[in-house]
């Protein structure tokens, strides 16, 4: 369905809403639209960050991944032994 037809259907439905419910509907539509506007820039920033790995060679990525695994293991090693002990 194209944008024009969909917009027409939405307006038709809005015209069928009882007057006492219009404020509630307006608030819903308004905050829905604001939410879309706010979330869009962060999505684009995240996608730019996600692309930063594109030019990394497989060897460099494998080394990087291994370093992350090692650091996580070291970071949580002491914590796991503390949590496992019962007093």
C-alpha atoms as a PDB file:
ATOM      1  CA  UNK A   1       0.000   0.000   0.000  1.00  0.00           C
ATOM      2  CA  UNK A   2       1.441   3.371  -0.954  1.00  0.00           C
ATOM      3  CA  UNK A   3       1.969   6.223   1.482  1.00  0.00           C
ATOM      4  CA  UNK A   4      -0.905   8.355   0.185  1.00  0.00           C
ATOM      5  CA  UNK A   5      -3.512   5.572   0.483  1.00  0.00           C
ATOM      6  CA  UNK A   6      -2.278   4.605   3.921  1.00  0.00           C
ATOM      7  CA  UNK A   7      -2.395   8.218   5.116  1.00  0.00           C
ATOM      8  CA  UNK A   8      -5.964   8.501   3.785  1.00  0.00           C
ATOM      9  CA  UNK A   9      -6.989   5.355   5.672  1.00  0.00           C
ATOM     10  CA  UNK A  10      -5.419   6.659   8.897  1.00  0.00           C
ATOM     11  CA  UNK A  11      -7.250   9.985   8.553  1.00  0.00           C
ATOM     12  CA  UNK A  12     -10.516   8.145   7.868  1.00  0.00           C
ATOM     13  CA  UNK A  13     -10.049   6.116  11.048  1.00  0.00           C
ATOM     14  CA  UNK A  14      -9.205   9.262  13.035  1.00  0.00           C
ATOM     15  CA  UNK A  15     -12.411  10.892  11.818  1.00  0.00           C
ATOM     16  CA  UNK A  16     -14.360   7.940  13.262  1.00  0.00           C
ATOM     17  CA  UNK A  17     -12.876   8.362  16.752  1.00  0.00           C
ATOM     18  CA  UNK A  18     -15.331   9.855  19.275  1.00  0.00           C
ATOM     19  CA  UNK A  19     -14.512  13.473  20.238  1.00  0.00           C
ATOM     20  CA  UNK A  20     -13.874  12.580  23.885  1.00  0.00           C
ATOM     21  CA  UNK A  21     -11.059  10.219  22.786  1.00  0.00           C
ATOM     22  CA  UNK A  22      -9.289  12.660  20.442  1.00  0.00           C
ATOM     23  CA  UNK A  23      -6.922  14.057  23.069  1.00  0.00           C
ATOM     24  CA  UNK A  24      -5.797  10.555  24.025  1.00  0.00           C
ATOM     25  CA  UNK A  25      -5.288   9.679  20.359  1.00  0.00           C
ATOM     26  CA  UNK A  26      -3.395  12.904  19.730  1.00  0.00           C
ATOM     27  CA  UNK A  27      -1.040  12.206  22.649  1.00  0.00           C
ATOM     28  CA  UNK A  28      -0.420   8.685  21.387  1.00  0.00           C
ATOM     29  CA  UNK A  29       0.387   9.828  17.848  1.00  0.00           C
ATOM     30  CA  UNK A  30       2.453  12.792  19.028  1.00  0.00           C
ATOM     31  CA  UNK A  31       4.668  10.801  21.401  1.00  0.00           C
ATOM     32  CA  UNK A  32       4.949   7.938  18.915  1.00  0.00           C
ATOM     33  CA  UNK A  33       6.305  10.375  16.322  1.00  0.00           C
ATOM     34  CA  UNK A  34       8.690  11.974  18.830  1.00  0.00           C
ATOM     35  CA  UNK A  35       9.995   8.541  19.772  1.00  0.00           C
ATOM     36  CA  UNK A  36      10.768   7.791  16.145  1.00  0.00           C
ATOM     37  CA  UNK A  37      12.626  11.092  15.735  1.00  0.00           C
ATOM     38  CA  UNK A  38      14.692  10.555  18.875  1.00  0.00           C
ATOM     39  CA  UNK A  39      15.644   6.944  18.126  1.00  0.00           C
ATOM     40  CA  UNK A  40      16.740   7.564  14.542  1.00  0.00           C
ATOM     41  CA  UNK A  41      20.057   9.382  15.219  1.00  0.00           C
ATOM     42  CA  UNK A  42      21.255   6.802  17.763  1.00  0.00           C
ATOM     43  CA  UNK A  43      20.472   4.000  15.315  1.00  0.00           C
ATOM     44  CA  UNK A  44      22.605   5.703  12.664  1.00  0.00           C
ATOM     45  CA  UNK A  45      25.468   6.201  15.135  1.00  0.00           C
ATOM     46  CA  UNK A  46      25.310   2.542  16.130  1.00  0.00           C
ATOM     47  CA  UNK A  47      25.405   1.441  12.524  1.00  0.00           C
ATOM     48  CA  UNK A  48      28.445   3.645  11.858  1.00  0.00           C
ATOM     49  CA  UNK A  49      30.198   2.054  14.833  1.00  0.00           C
ATOM     50  CA  UNK A  50      29.244  -1.431  13.650  1.00  0.00           C
ATOM     51  CA  UNK A  51      30.976  -0.748  10.350  1.00  0.00           C
ATOM     52  CA  UNK A  52      34.292   0.129  11.988  1.00  0.00           C
ATOM     53  CA  UNK A  53      35.298  -3.557  11.933  1.00  0.00           C
ATOM     54  CA  UNK A  54      35.001  -3.820   8.133  1.00  0.00           C
ATOM     55  CA  UNK A  55      38.652  -3.109   7.359  1.00  0.00           C
ATOM     56  CA  UNK A  56      40.054  -5.378  10.104  1.00  0.00           C
ATOM     57  CA  UNK A  57      41.871  -8.434   8.763  1.00  0.00           C
ATOM     58  CA  UNK A  58      40.805 -11.900   9.914  1.00  0.00           C
ATOM     59  CA  UNK A  59      44.109 -12.380  11.751  1.00  0.00           C
ATOM     60  CA  UNK A  60      43.817  -9.084  13.648  1.00  0.00           C
ATOM     61  CA  UNK A  61      40.184  -9.836  14.479  1.00  0.00           C
ATOM     62  CA  UNK A  62      41.068 -13.327  15.755  1.00  0.00           C
ATOM     63  CA  UNK A  63      43.790 -11.862  18.009  1.00  0.00           C
ATOM     64  CA  UNK A  64      41.428  -9.152  19.222  1.00  0.00           C
ATOM     65  CA  UNK A  65      38.704 -11.687  19.954  1.00  0.00           C
ATOM     66  CA  UNK A  66      41.142 -13.929  21.846  1.00  0.00           C
ATOM     67  CA  UNK A  67      42.276 -10.963  23.946  1.00  0.00           C
ATOM     68  CA  UNK A  68      38.668 -10.148  24.840  1.00  0.00           C
ATOM     69  CA  UNK A  69      38.038 -13.741  25.909  1.00  0.00           C
ATOM     70  CA  UNK A  70      41.199 -13.757  28.052  1.00  0.00           C
ATOM     71  CA  UNK A  71      40.374 -10.448  29.722  1.00  0.00           C
ATOM     72  CA  UNK A  72      36.811 -11.516  30.474  1.00  0.00           C
ATOM     73  CA  UNK A  73      38.069 -14.747  31.961  1.00  0.00           C
ATOM     74  CA  UNK A  74      40.549 -12.866  34.171  1.00  0.00           C
ATOM     75  CA  UNK A  75      37.992 -10.261  35.207  1.00  0.00           C
ATOM     76  CA  UNK A  76      35.402 -12.794  36.321  1.00  0.00           C
ATOM     77  CA  UNK A  77      37.724 -15.480  37.684  1.00  0.00           C
ATOM     78  CA  UNK A  78      37.876 -14.026  41.206  1.00  0.00           C
ATOM     79  CA  UNK A  79      34.235 -13.078  41.168  1.00  0.00           C
ATOM     80  CA  UNK A  80      33.095 -16.577  40.318  1.00  0.00           C
ATOM     81  CA  UNK A  81      35.063 -18.127  43.174  1.00  0.00           C
ATOM     82  CA  UNK A  82      33.602 -15.559  45.594  1.00  0.00           C
ATOM     83  CA  UNK A  83      30.069 -16.239  44.436  1.00  0.00           C
ATOM     84  CA  UNK A  84      30.510 -20.002  44.582  1.00  0.00           C
ATOM     85  CA  UNK A  85      31.560 -20.060  48.227  1.00  0.00           C
ATOM     86  CA  UNK A  86      28.800 -20.406  50.776  1.00  0.00           C
ATOM     87  CA  UNK A  87      29.400 -19.237  54.344  1.00  0.00           C
END
